[in-house]
Protein backbone atom coordinates (compact mmCIF):
# COMPACT_ATOMS: atom_id res chain seq x y z
CA MET A 1 27.94 -28.12 -57.00
CA ARG A 2 26.58 -27.77 -53.54
CA ARG A 3 23.48 -29.94 -52.71
CA TYR A 4 20.83 -29.22 -49.92
CA ALA A 5 17.70 -30.81 -48.50
CA SER A 6 15.22 -29.76 -46.02
CA ARG A 7 14.70 -32.13 -42.90
CA CYS A 8 11.50 -32.49 -40.96
CA PRO A 9 12.22 -34.13 -37.66
CA VAL A 10 8.15 -34.55 -36.94
CA CYS A 11 7.68 -36.50 -40.01
CA ARG A 12 11.34 -37.84 -40.00
CA THR A 13 11.60 -37.10 -43.86
CA THR A 14 14.27 -35.59 -45.97
CA SER A 15 13.23 -33.75 -49.12
CA PRO A 16 15.13 -34.74 -52.48
CA PRO A 17 18.41 -33.11 -52.92
CA THR A 18 18.44 -29.63 -54.47
CA THR A 19 21.10 -27.44 -55.83
CA THR A 20 20.21 -24.29 -54.00
CA PRO A 21 19.34 -23.58 -50.46
CA ALA A 22 16.24 -21.56 -51.87
CA ALA A 23 14.90 -24.68 -53.51
CA ALA A 24 15.25 -26.71 -50.49
CA GLU A 25 13.45 -23.90 -48.63
CA LYS A 26 10.71 -24.16 -51.27
CA GLU A 27 10.32 -28.03 -50.66
CA ALA A 28 10.30 -27.21 -47.08
CA HIS A 29 7.23 -24.77 -47.70
CA HIS A 30 5.40 -27.15 -49.78
CA HIS A 31 5.88 -29.79 -46.84
CA ARG A 32 4.58 -27.41 -44.26
CA GLN A 33 1.64 -26.39 -46.30
CA ALA A 34 0.59 -30.06 -47.07
CA LEU A 35 1.15 -31.93 -43.80
CA HIS A 36 1.58 -29.26 -41.27
CA ALA A 37 -1.08 -26.66 -42.07
CA GLY A 38 1.55 -23.90 -42.50
CA HIS A 39 3.06 -24.56 -39.09
CA HIS A 40 6.88 -24.78 -38.69
CA PRO A 41 7.86 -27.85 -36.84
CA ASP A 42 10.41 -27.62 -34.00
CA GLY A 43 13.79 -28.48 -35.50
CA GLN A 44 13.08 -28.02 -39.21
CA THR A 45 16.47 -27.48 -41.13
CA THR A 46 17.84 -26.94 -44.43
CA GLU A 47 21.16 -28.98 -44.38
CA GLU A 48 24.09 -29.20 -46.80
CA LEU A 49 24.46 -32.93 -48.45
CA ASP A 50 27.73 -34.43 -49.99
CA ARG A 51 27.40 -36.62 -53.16
CA ARG A 52 26.31 -39.79 -51.35
CA GLY A 53 23.36 -37.94 -49.75
CA ARG A 54 25.16 -37.75 -46.05
CA ARG A 55 24.46 -34.59 -43.95
CA TYR A 56 27.74 -32.90 -43.42
CA ALA A 57 26.39 -31.89 -39.72
CA THR A 58 26.52 -35.67 -38.97
CA MET A 59 30.17 -36.30 -40.06
CA SER A 60 33.37 -36.13 -38.15
CA PRO A 61 35.40 -33.18 -38.89
CA LEU A 62 37.99 -35.29 -40.95
CA ILE A 63 35.29 -37.32 -42.65
CA ALA A 64 33.45 -33.83 -43.56
CA THR A 65 36.76 -32.25 -45.02
CA HIS A 66 37.46 -35.52 -47.10
CA ALA A 67 33.93 -35.44 -48.54
CA ARG A 68 33.99 -31.66 -49.28
CA MET A 69 37.38 -32.01 -51.01
CA SER A 70 36.31 -35.11 -53.05
CA ASP A 71 33.17 -33.29 -54.27
CA THR A 72 35.03 -30.36 -55.13
CA PHE A 73 37.69 -32.44 -57.20
CA ALA A 74 34.68 -34.43 -58.86
CA ASP A 75 32.94 -31.27 -59.56
CA MET A 76 36.10 -29.96 -61.65
CA ARG A 77 35.69 -32.89 -64.07
CA HIS A 78 31.97 -33.44 -64.13
CA HIS A 79 30.05 -30.26 -63.28
CA GLY A 80 26.65 -30.95 -62.21
CA GLY A 81 26.97 -34.59 -62.12
CA MET A 82 25.57 -36.60 -59.11
CA GLY A 83 28.05 -39.68 -59.65
CA ARG A 84 31.03 -40.48 -57.41
CA VAL A 85 34.45 -40.23 -59.12
CA LEU A 86 37.09 -42.61 -57.69
CA TRP A 87 39.93 -40.49 -58.58
CA SER A 88 38.66 -37.48 -56.70
CA GLU A 89 38.34 -39.66 -53.58
CA ALA A 90 42.00 -40.84 -53.82
CA LEU A 91 43.06 -37.18 -54.47
CA ALA A 92 41.34 -35.80 -51.60
CA TRP A 93 42.89 -38.50 -49.33
CA LEU A 94 46.27 -37.83 -50.80
CA THR A 95 45.91 -34.12 -50.41
CA LEU A 96 44.71 -34.52 -46.67
CA THR A 97 47.67 -37.20 -45.98
CA SER A 98 50.47 -34.89 -47.39
CA SER A 99 49.18 -31.93 -45.65
CA ALA A 100 49.34 -33.83 -42.40
CA LEU A 101 52.84 -35.07 -43.12
CA ALA A 102 53.83 -31.48 -44.25
CA GLY A 103 52.54 -30.17 -40.72
CA LEU A 104 54.57 -32.92 -38.99
CA TRP A 105 57.47 -32.22 -40.83
CA ALA A 106 57.25 -28.45 -40.21
CA LEU A 107 56.64 -29.22 -36.41
CA ALA A 108 59.77 -31.49 -36.35
CA ALA A 109 61.87 -28.93 -37.96
CA ALA A 110 60.82 -26.30 -35.42
CA LEU A 111 61.82 -28.47 -32.63
């Protein structure tokens, strides 16, 4: 399950996590109406979050890949849950490591 949040750089606030981009946009609309008189603050965005509430845009590519894989593996077992499942993190690291080793093996075999 994907999670989204709206972020206002003027107020330096982030909305609570939602499950759809439309719900995050609705939160942003309410925020604009209440605090900015309907104006769009420069840089207001809707971003995707991982299970821990971290924004994918601020992560390095390797960490973002691990977080997305871990979230996907956790959702296979606990669809709709917001908790972190240890086995999903371990399986994500195992998948990334085995993919890297397979790539190195293929490169070594090609040389």
